[in-house]
Amino acid sequence: MSDSLSKTGFLEKFKLFIISIGPGLFIIGYNIGTGSVTSMASTGAEYGMRMAWPLMLSCIFTYILIVLFGKYTIVTGDTVIHSYKKHFGKPAGLFVLIALIFTEAVGCIGVMAIVTQVTQEWTRPLTASGAGIDPLYSTIFFGGALYALLWKGKQNFFEKVLAVFVGVMGLSFIITMFMVIPEPSEVIAGIVSGVPNESGAFLLIASMVGTTMGAVIYVVRSVLIKGKGWGVEQFKLEKRDAKISAILMFVLSIAVMAAAAGTLHQQGMKVDNAIDMVRLLEPFAGRFAVSIFVGGILAAGLSSLFPHIMLAPMLLSDYQGVNPDFQSKTNRLISLGIVLLTLTVPLFGGRPVFIMILSQAFIATVTPVVILFMIILMNRKEVVGEHALKPAKNVVLGVIFLFSLIMAVLGIIGIFGI
């Protein structure tokens, strides 16, 4: 009897913990998608662990920014894009809104294409023709399933769905990493090494930072915190939530990079398309390990697609200064439009990995604007009162802004280089 009570108590505590880190789960689910997997796998295969330091820096900076944007909404009760429209004018709000929706629409196309290509490759032995499941059919299946989850759900339900996806993804990538992990000395050497002086390296760095430090996560976090109704008394909870997000982002991202560095990089192989990681990893890791990795890719894709489908309604609600209602007819139609966009690659063709890397590099160019506007607002006492930034915090945020600006320039250089 006591055992069953203790199990019930543990489950209740675990459920409360999951609810308390809901905004963090959304960020992890969104961030560690196939865009992140693609960027980390491409980076690990081509450069080993030499790109570990920009990943670590971006995760540290992401934590600071998550806390900053969350604090702004807690203090003012206002969301980000609506605040930009109110304080900097309608053009500023519209620029951020349109840039983020465009980037997310392109990213959604790439995410679904990668998920369905991996599904096709891994189901080849299961089909009589050996061709695997047609990407068009799997796109319709995955898109329909995610849209059905969105149809009647609310924020707490979405957080539970993402908790499942994130859990499966995390276990899959960490187990795969330990099966093929490179020498610890190589990981450490990667963190202290310099940036490769190549245009392709610039694009990969920008895409890594884009997927880790992307502006959309700060904007959406503001919407989620407002939806939670968090007040000043939840500051500590908000920081804990942000810390968990940043740590898990780094661990899961470095796991994918290490898996590619410990296998493909050693053989001089590159990841040029979605299924390369699956095809090339199998001879080194075995089908069992790659099956686990494929499970992680699918969970990452679905955990990313789910927020992607929700993003346009959330961003539009943010612009209007209202809480998003996912059950409204307008928002359901908008989400349906995003789902239909995922049919682009199966119907018309395209290179999903290239699409994903470009979309992540583009979001890196929008991020400095979003960060700069928030730094300005957090220094206005008439807006945030006694919570205005202190000089030391301004120095830190200035460094972060410059880092994001450099990453934006590297992304542009990389895009034109390719």
Protein backbone atom coordinates (compact mmCIF):
# COMPACT_ATOMS: atom_id res chain seq x y z
CA MET A 1 0.00 0.00 0.00
CA SER A 2 2.81 2.39 0.95
CA ASP A 3 4.60 1.51 -2.32
CA SER A 4 1.55 2.39 -4.40
CA LEU A 5 1.11 5.65 -2.45
CA SER A 6 4.76 6.56 -2.94
CA LYS A 7 4.45 5.82 -6.68
CA THR A 8 1.33 7.98 -6.86
CA GLY A 9 3.13 10.75 -4.99
CA PHE A 10 6.09 10.51 -7.36
CA LEU A 11 3.84 10.65 -10.43
CA GLU A 12 2.01 13.68 -9.06
CA LYS A 13 5.31 15.46 -8.34
CA PHE A 14 6.60 14.55 -11.82
CA LYS A 15 3.38 15.86 -13.42
CA LEU A 16 3.67 19.14 -11.49
CA PHE A 17 7.32 19.42 -12.55
CA ILE A 18 6.41 18.93 -16.23
CA ILE A 19 3.66 21.55 -15.94
CA SER A 20 6.08 23.99 -14.26
CA ILE A 21 8.59 23.75 -17.14
CA GLY A 22 5.99 23.95 -19.91
CA PRO A 23 7.54 26.97 -21.69
CA GLY A 24 10.93 25.23 -21.49
CA LEU A 25 9.55 22.06 -23.08
CA PHE A 26 8.13 24.12 -25.93
CA ILE A 27 11.55 25.70 -26.56
CA ILE A 28 13.38 22.35 -26.46
CA GLY A 29 10.80 20.73 -28.72
CA TYR A 30 10.96 23.60 -31.18
CA ASN A 31 14.74 24.07 -31.09
CA ILE A 32 15.94 20.48 -31.26
CA GLY A 33 14.18 19.58 -34.46
CA THR A 34 15.48 18.21 -37.73
CA GLY A 35 16.98 21.64 -38.47
CA SER A 36 19.17 21.32 -35.39
CA VAL A 37 19.91 17.64 -36.10
CA THR A 38 20.85 18.51 -39.70
CA SER A 39 23.12 21.39 -38.66
CA MET A 40 24.82 19.41 -35.86
CA ALA A 41 25.25 16.27 -37.99
CA SER A 42 26.63 18.26 -40.95
CA THR A 43 28.99 20.12 -38.62
CA GLY A 44 30.19 17.00 -36.78
CA ALA A 45 30.75 15.08 -40.03
CA GLU A 46 32.72 17.88 -41.70
CA TYR A 47 34.61 19.49 -38.81
CA GLY A 48 34.50 16.98 -35.96
CA MET A 49 34.11 18.75 -32.63
CA ARG A 50 35.72 22.02 -33.79
CA MET A 51 32.33 23.76 -33.74
CA ALA A 52 31.54 22.82 -30.14
CA TRP A 53 32.49 26.26 -28.80
CA PRO A 54 29.98 28.34 -30.80
CA LEU A 55 27.31 25.83 -29.75
CA MET A 56 28.27 26.19 -26.08
CA LEU A 57 28.35 30.00 -26.32
CA SER A 58 24.98 30.15 -28.06
CA CYS A 59 23.39 27.96 -25.36
CA ILE A 60 24.78 30.18 -22.57
CA PHE A 61 23.58 33.29 -24.36
CA THR A 62 20.22 31.68 -25.05
CA TYR A 63 19.73 31.09 -21.31
CA ILE A 64 20.41 34.77 -20.55
CA LEU A 65 18.04 35.93 -23.29
CA ILE A 66 15.27 33.49 -22.34
CA VAL A 67 15.35 34.89 -18.81
CA LEU A 68 15.41 38.48 -20.14
CA PHE A 69 12.42 38.12 -22.45
CA GLY A 70 10.47 36.16 -19.85
CA LYS A 71 11.16 38.79 -17.22
CA TYR A 72 9.93 41.55 -19.54
CA THR A 73 6.56 39.85 -19.99
CA ILE A 74 6.26 39.07 -16.27
CA VAL A 75 6.97 42.72 -15.36
CA THR A 76 4.89 44.45 -18.05
CA GLY A 77 2.24 41.80 -18.79
CA ASP A 78 2.85 42.49 -22.48
CA THR A 79 4.19 40.23 -25.24
CA VAL A 80 7.19 40.99 -27.45
CA ILE A 81 5.87 41.83 -30.94
CA HIS A 82 2.95 43.81 -29.51
CA SER A 83 5.42 45.80 -27.40
CA TYR A 84 7.64 46.47 -30.42
CA LYS A 85 4.59 47.73 -32.33
CA LYS A 86 3.53 49.91 -29.39
CA HIS A 87 6.95 51.40 -28.58
CA PHE A 88 8.76 51.42 -31.95
CA GLY A 89 5.85 51.78 -34.35
CA LYS A 90 3.75 49.48 -36.51
CA PRO A 91 6.50 48.95 -39.17
CA ALA A 92 8.85 47.52 -36.53
CA GLY A 93 6.20 45.11 -35.25
CA LEU A 94 5.24 44.07 -38.79
CA PHE A 95 8.90 43.51 -39.78
CA VAL A 96 9.48 41.09 -36.90
CA LEU A 97 6.12 39.37 -37.45
CA ILE A 98 6.57 38.85 -41.21
CA ALA A 99 10.23 37.82 -40.93
CA LEU A 100 9.48 35.20 -38.28
CA ILE A 101 6.40 33.77 -40.02
CA PHE A 102 8.28 33.54 -43.35
CA THR A 103 11.23 31.81 -41.73
CA GLU A 104 9.02 29.38 -39.85
CA ALA A 105 7.02 28.53 -43.00
CA VAL A 106 10.24 27.70 -44.87
CA GLY A 107 11.55 25.78 -41.87
CA CYS A 108 8.34 23.76 -41.60
CA ILE A 109 8.73 22.64 -45.23
CA GLY A 110 12.30 21.50 -44.56
CA VAL A 111 11.46 19.74 -41.29
CA MET A 112 8.67 17.65 -42.78
CA ALA A 113 10.75 16.80 -45.87
CA ILE A 114 13.59 15.50 -43.71
CA VAL A 115 11.23 13.46 -41.50
CA THR A 116 9.58 11.82 -44.52
CA GLN A 117 12.86 11.14 -46.34
CA VAL A 118 14.28 9.44 -43.25
CA THR A 119 11.03 7.46 -42.92
CA GLN A 120 11.28 6.36 -46.57
CA GLU A 121 14.91 5.27 -46.21
CA TRP A 122 14.31 3.33 -43.02
CA THR A 123 11.20 1.54 -44.29
CA ARG A 124 12.82 0.24 -47.50
CA PRO A 125 13.34 -3.28 -46.07
CA LEU A 126 9.68 -3.31 -44.94
CA THR A 127 8.16 -2.73 -48.38
CA ALA A 128 7.89 -5.32 -51.18
CA SER A 129 9.29 -2.92 -53.79
CA GLY A 130 12.19 -1.85 -51.56
CA ALA A 131 11.28 1.78 -52.23
CA GLY A 132 10.02 2.53 -48.72
CA ILE A 133 6.97 4.58 -47.79
CA ASP A 134 6.33 7.34 -50.34
CA PRO A 135 7.12 10.78 -48.75
CA LEU A 136 3.77 12.11 -49.99
CA TYR A 137 1.86 9.50 -47.96
CA SER A 138 3.97 9.96 -44.82
CA THR A 139 3.64 13.75 -45.12
CA ILE A 140 -0.14 13.42 -45.22
CA PHE A 141 -0.06 11.01 -42.26
CA PHE A 142 2.26 13.05 -40.03
CA GLY A 143 0.64 16.37 -40.96
CA GLY A 144 -2.86 14.99 -40.36
CA ALA A 145 -1.88 13.47 -36.99
CA LEU A 146 -0.28 16.69 -35.73
CA TYR A 147 -3.20 18.80 -36.94
CA ALA A 148 -5.62 16.46 -35.14
CA LEU A 149 -3.65 16.95 -31.89
CA LEU A 150 -3.87 20.69 -32.38
CA TRP A 151 -7.60 20.69 -33.22
CA LYS A 152 -8.98 20.42 -29.68
CA GLY A 153 -5.91 20.87 -27.52
CA LYS A 154 -4.97 23.66 -25.12
CA GLN A 155 -1.62 24.83 -23.79
CA ASN A 156 -1.35 22.25 -20.97
CA PHE A 157 -2.19 19.44 -23.42
CA PHE A 158 0.43 20.71 -25.90
CA GLU A 159 3.05 20.64 -23.14
CA LYS A 160 2.27 16.99 -22.34
CA VAL A 161 2.57 16.02 -26.02
CA LEU A 162 5.92 17.81 -26.27
CA ALA A 163 7.14 16.13 -23.06
CA VAL A 164 6.67 12.71 -24.75
CA PHE A 165 8.42 13.80 -27.97
CA VAL A 166 11.31 15.44 -26.10
CA GLY A 167 11.75 12.39 -23.83
CA VAL A 168 11.98 9.96 -26.77
CA MET A 169 14.30 12.29 -28.67
CA GLY A 170 16.62 12.85 -25.71
CA LEU A 171 17.02 9.17 -24.87
CA SER A 172 17.60 8.27 -28.53
CA PHE A 173 20.35 10.82 -29.17
CA ILE A 174 22.17 10.27 -25.87
CA ILE A 175 22.16 6.45 -26.29
CA THR A 176 23.44 6.82 -29.88
CA MET A 177 26.20 9.18 -28.75
CA PHE A 178 27.50 6.71 -26.17
CA MET A 179 27.54 3.97 -28.80
CA VAL A 180 29.77 5.94 -31.18
CA ILE A 181 31.26 8.71 -28.98
CA PRO A 182 34.69 10.09 -29.96
CA GLU A 183 37.55 10.37 -27.49
CA PRO A 184 36.82 12.88 -24.67
CA SER A 185 40.06 14.67 -25.56
CA GLU A 186 38.65 15.35 -29.04
CA VAL A 187 35.53 16.95 -27.54
CA ILE A 188 37.67 19.21 -25.31
CA ALA A 189 39.97 20.07 -28.23
CA GLY A 190 36.92 21.06 -30.27
CA ILE A 191 35.76 23.51 -27.62
CA VAL A 192 39.11 25.37 -27.58
CA SER A 193 39.86 25.22 -31.32
CA GLY A 194 39.45 28.08 -33.79
CA VAL A 195 36.84 28.60 -36.49
CA PRO A 196 37.65 26.94 -39.85
CA ASN A 197 38.31 29.68 -42.41
CA GLU A 198 35.86 28.48 -45.05
CA SER A 199 32.61 29.98 -46.36
CA GLY A 200 30.82 26.66 -45.82
CA ALA A 201 31.91 26.72 -42.18
CA PHE A 202 30.43 30.21 -41.79
CA LEU A 203 27.03 29.01 -43.03
CA LEU A 204 27.08 26.00 -40.68
CA ILE A 205 28.02 28.19 -37.69
CA ALA A 206 25.23 30.63 -38.52
CA SER A 207 22.73 27.79 -38.93
CA MET A 208 23.78 26.29 -35.57
CA VAL A 209 23.35 29.62 -33.84
CA GLY A 210 20.14 30.23 -35.78
CA THR A 211 18.58 27.03 -34.49
CA THR A 212 19.87 27.56 -30.91
CA MET A 213 19.57 31.35 -30.57
CA GLY A 214 16.72 31.93 -33.02
CA ALA A 215 14.64 35.03 -32.35
CA VAL A 216 11.38 33.12 -32.50
CA ILE A 217 12.04 31.23 -29.25
CA TYR A 218 12.26 34.48 -27.26
CA VAL A 219 9.12 35.85 -28.86
CA VAL A 220 7.15 32.65 -28.32
CA ARG A 221 8.42 32.30 -24.76
CA SER A 222 6.83 35.66 -24.01
CA VAL A 223 3.48 34.42 -25.35
CA LEU A 224 3.71 31.18 -23.33
CA ILE A 225 4.59 32.95 -20.08
CA LYS A 226 1.68 35.34 -20.52
CA GLY A 227 -0.55 32.31 -21.16
CA LYS A 228 0.74 30.73 -17.94
CA GLY A 229 -0.17 33.87 -16.02
CA TRP A 230 3.22 33.99 -14.30
CA GLY A 231 3.84 37.02 -12.09
CA VAL A 232 6.79 38.50 -10.20
CA GLU A 233 6.55 35.71 -7.61
CA GLN A 234 7.44 33.22 -10.39
CA PHE A 235 10.85 34.79 -11.22
CA LYS A 236 12.75 31.85 -9.67
CA LEU A 237 10.57 29.36 -11.52
CA GLU A 238 11.17 31.23 -14.77
CA LYS A 239 14.96 31.05 -14.27
CA ARG A 240 14.84 27.34 -13.45
CA ASP A 241 12.74 26.71 -16.52
CA ALA A 242 15.22 28.65 -18.68
CA LYS A 243 18.20 26.80 -17.18
CA ILE A 244 16.69 23.38 -17.91
CA SER A 245 15.98 24.47 -21.50
CA ALA A 246 19.53 25.70 -22.15
CA ILE A 247 21.24 22.68 -20.57
CA LEU A 248 19.11 20.15 -22.47
CA MET A 249 19.62 22.08 -25.73
CA PHE A 250 23.38 21.82 -25.32
CA VAL A 251 23.39 18.15 -24.26
CA LEU A 252 21.13 16.99 -27.10
CA SER A 253 22.88 19.10 -29.74
CA ILE A 254 26.37 18.01 -28.69
CA ALA A 255 25.19 14.37 -28.68
CA VAL A 256 24.26 14.57 -32.39
CA MET A 257 27.49 16.39 -33.25
CA ALA A 258 29.56 13.81 -31.35
CA ALA A 259 27.79 10.89 -33.07
CA ALA A 260 28.73 12.31 -36.48
CA ALA A 261 32.23 13.32 -35.37
CA GLY A 262 32.98 9.89 -33.92
CA THR A 263 32.03 8.08 -37.14
CA LEU A 264 31.62 10.05 -40.36
CA HIS A 265 34.32 12.66 -39.65
CA GLN A 266 36.86 9.91 -39.00
CA GLN A 267 36.24 8.58 -42.52
CA GLY A 268 36.15 11.97 -44.24
CA MET A 269 32.44 11.66 -45.08
CA LYS A 270 30.00 14.56 -45.34
CA VAL A 271 26.27 14.86 -44.73
CA ASP A 272 24.80 16.40 -47.89
CA ASN A 273 21.17 15.36 -47.57
CA ALA A 274 18.67 14.12 -45.02
CA ILE A 275 19.28 10.43 -45.39
CA ASP A 276 23.10 10.56 -45.50
CA MET A 277 23.32 10.42 -41.71
CA VAL A 278 21.21 7.26 -41.68
CA ARG A 279 22.96 5.55 -44.60
CA LEU A 280 26.51 6.42 -43.61
CA LEU A 281 26.16 5.81 -39.87
CA GLU A 282 24.88 2.22 -40.17
CA PRO A 283 28.20 0.53 -41.18
CA PHE A 284 29.93 2.04 -38.13
CA ALA A 285 27.22 1.89 -35.49
CA GLY A 286 25.10 -1.06 -36.64
CA ARG A 287 21.43 -1.17 -37.54
CA PHE A 288 20.28 -1.24 -33.91
CA ALA A 289 22.12 1.99 -33.02
CA VAL A 290 20.96 3.68 -36.21
CA SER A 291 17.38 2.56 -35.51
CA ILE A 292 17.60 4.37 -32.17
CA PHE A 293 19.02 7.42 -33.95
CA VAL A 294 16.21 7.33 -36.52
CA GLY A 295 13.70 7.22 -33.65
CA GLY A 296 15.39 10.35 -32.30
CA ILE A 297 15.18 12.10 -35.69
CA LEU A 298 11.47 11.30 -35.99
CA ALA A 299 10.77 12.47 -32.43
CA ALA A 300 12.85 15.61 -33.07
CA GLY A 301 10.96 16.29 -36.28
CA LEU A 302 7.53 15.81 -34.74
CA SER A 303 8.46 17.79 -31.60
CA SER A 304 9.54 20.62 -33.88
CA LEU A 305 6.65 20.40 -36.34
CA PHE A 306 4.05 20.59 -33.58
CA PRO A 307 5.22 24.05 -32.40
CA HIS A 308 5.78 25.10 -36.03
CA ILE A 309 2.10 24.50 -36.80
CA MET A 310 1.16 26.56 -33.74
CA LEU A 311 3.59 29.42 -34.40
CA ALA A 312 1.75 31.55 -36.97
CA PRO A 313 -1.39 31.87 -34.77
CA MET A 314 0.81 32.58 -31.73
CA LEU A 315 2.81 35.28 -33.51
CA LEU A 316 -0.33 36.92 -34.92
CA SER A 317 -1.91 36.91 -31.45
CA ASP A 318 1.28 38.42 -30.06
CA TYR A 319 1.10 41.23 -32.64
CA GLN A 320 -2.53 41.90 -31.68
CA GLY A 321 -1.75 41.73 -27.95
CA VAL A 322 -4.21 38.91 -27.17
CA ASN A 323 -3.88 35.34 -25.95
CA PRO A 324 -3.89 32.79 -28.82
CA ASP A 325 -7.07 30.74 -29.25
CA PHE A 326 -6.15 27.61 -31.20
CA GLN A 327 -9.77 26.55 -31.42
CA SER A 328 -10.87 29.66 -33.34
CA LYS A 329 -11.83 29.13 -36.98
CA THR A 330 -9.20 31.61 -38.21
CA ASN A 331 -6.33 30.00 -36.31
CA ARG A 332 -7.39 26.51 -37.38
CA LEU A 333 -7.33 27.64 -41.01
CA ILE A 334 -3.91 29.27 -40.57
CA SER A 335 -2.52 26.07 -39.00
CA LEU A 336 -4.07 24.01 -41.81
CA GLY A 337 -2.31 26.27 -44.33
CA ILE A 338 1.04 25.58 -42.61
CA VAL A 339 0.34 21.83 -42.71
CA LEU A 340 -0.47 22.02 -46.44
CA LEU A 341 2.83 23.85 -47.04
CA THR A 342 4.67 20.71 -45.89
CA LEU A 343 3.54 19.01 -49.11
CA THR A 344 5.88 21.30 -51.11
CA VAL A 345 8.92 19.01 -51.34
CA PRO A 346 7.00 15.73 -51.96
CA LEU A 347 4.98 17.41 -54.74
CA PHE A 348 7.56 19.72 -56.33
CA GLY A 349 10.96 18.43 -55.19
CA GLY A 350 13.83 20.26 -53.48
CA ARG A 351 16.80 19.72 -51.17
CA PRO A 352 15.44 19.72 -47.61
CA VAL A 353 18.82 19.87 -45.85
CA PHE A 354 19.83 22.94 -47.86
CA ILE A 355 16.40 24.51 -47.23
CA MET A 356 16.78 23.90 -43.49
CA ILE A 357 20.31 25.32 -43.26
CA LEU A 358 19.31 28.42 -45.25
CA SER A 359 16.23 29.00 -43.08
CA GLN A 360 18.31 28.68 -39.90
CA ALA A 361 20.95 31.06 -41.28
CA PHE A 362 18.21 33.56 -42.22
CA ILE A 363 16.68 33.51 -38.74
CA ALA A 364 20.16 34.38 -37.42
CA THR A 365 19.96 37.62 -39.42
CA VAL A 366 16.63 38.59 -37.78
CA THR A 367 17.76 37.77 -34.24
CA PRO A 368 19.99 40.85 -33.66
CA VAL A 369 17.04 43.18 -34.37
CA VAL A 370 14.80 41.34 -31.88
CA ILE A 371 17.54 41.39 -29.21
CA LEU A 372 18.38 45.08 -29.72
CA PHE A 373 14.74 46.18 -29.40
CA MET A 374 14.41 44.24 -26.13
CA ILE A 375 17.62 45.73 -24.67
CA ILE A 376 16.26 49.21 -25.42
CA LEU A 377 12.90 48.46 -23.76
CA MET A 378 14.52 46.89 -20.68
CA ASN A 379 16.48 50.14 -20.17
CA ARG A 380 13.35 52.32 -20.14
CA LYS A 381 12.20 52.91 -16.57
CA GLU A 382 8.85 54.19 -17.80
CA VAL A 383 8.28 50.70 -19.28
CA VAL A 384 9.80 48.27 -16.73
CA GLY A 385 10.15 50.49 -13.65
CA GLU A 386 12.60 49.29 -11.01
CA HIS A 387 13.48 46.25 -13.18
CA ALA A 388 15.46 48.38 -15.65
CA LEU A 389 18.83 46.85 -16.55
CA LYS A 390 21.92 47.59 -14.48
CA PRO A 391 25.20 48.62 -16.20
CA ALA A 392 26.82 45.19 -15.76
CA LYS A 393 23.85 43.44 -17.35
CA ASN A 394 23.94 45.91 -20.23
CA VAL A 395 27.58 45.00 -20.88
CA VAL A 396 26.72 41.29 -20.98
CA LEU A 397 23.76 41.88 -23.28
CA GLY A 398 25.91 44.13 -25.49
CA VAL A 399 28.35 41.24 -25.95
CA ILE A 400 25.46 38.89 -26.78
CA PHE A 401 24.07 41.39 -29.30
CA LEU A 402 27.49 41.69 -30.99
CA PHE A 403 27.78 37.88 -31.08
CA SER A 404 24.37 37.61 -32.74
CA LEU A 405 25.36 40.34 -35.20
CA ILE A 406 28.59 38.53 -36.12
CA MET A 407 26.63 35.30 -36.60
CA ALA A 408 24.22 37.15 -38.90
CA VAL A 409 27.15 38.42 -41.00
CA LEU A 410 28.68 34.92 -41.11
CA GLY A 411 25.33 33.56 -42.27
CA ILE A 412 25.15 36.10 -45.11
CA ILE A 413 28.76 35.36 -46.11
CA GLY A 414 28.01 31.63 -46.06
CA ILE A 415 24.86 31.98 -48.16
CA PHE A 416 26.64 34.05 -50.83
CA GLY A 417 29.63 31.71 -50.66
CA ILE A 418 27.41 28.76 -51.56
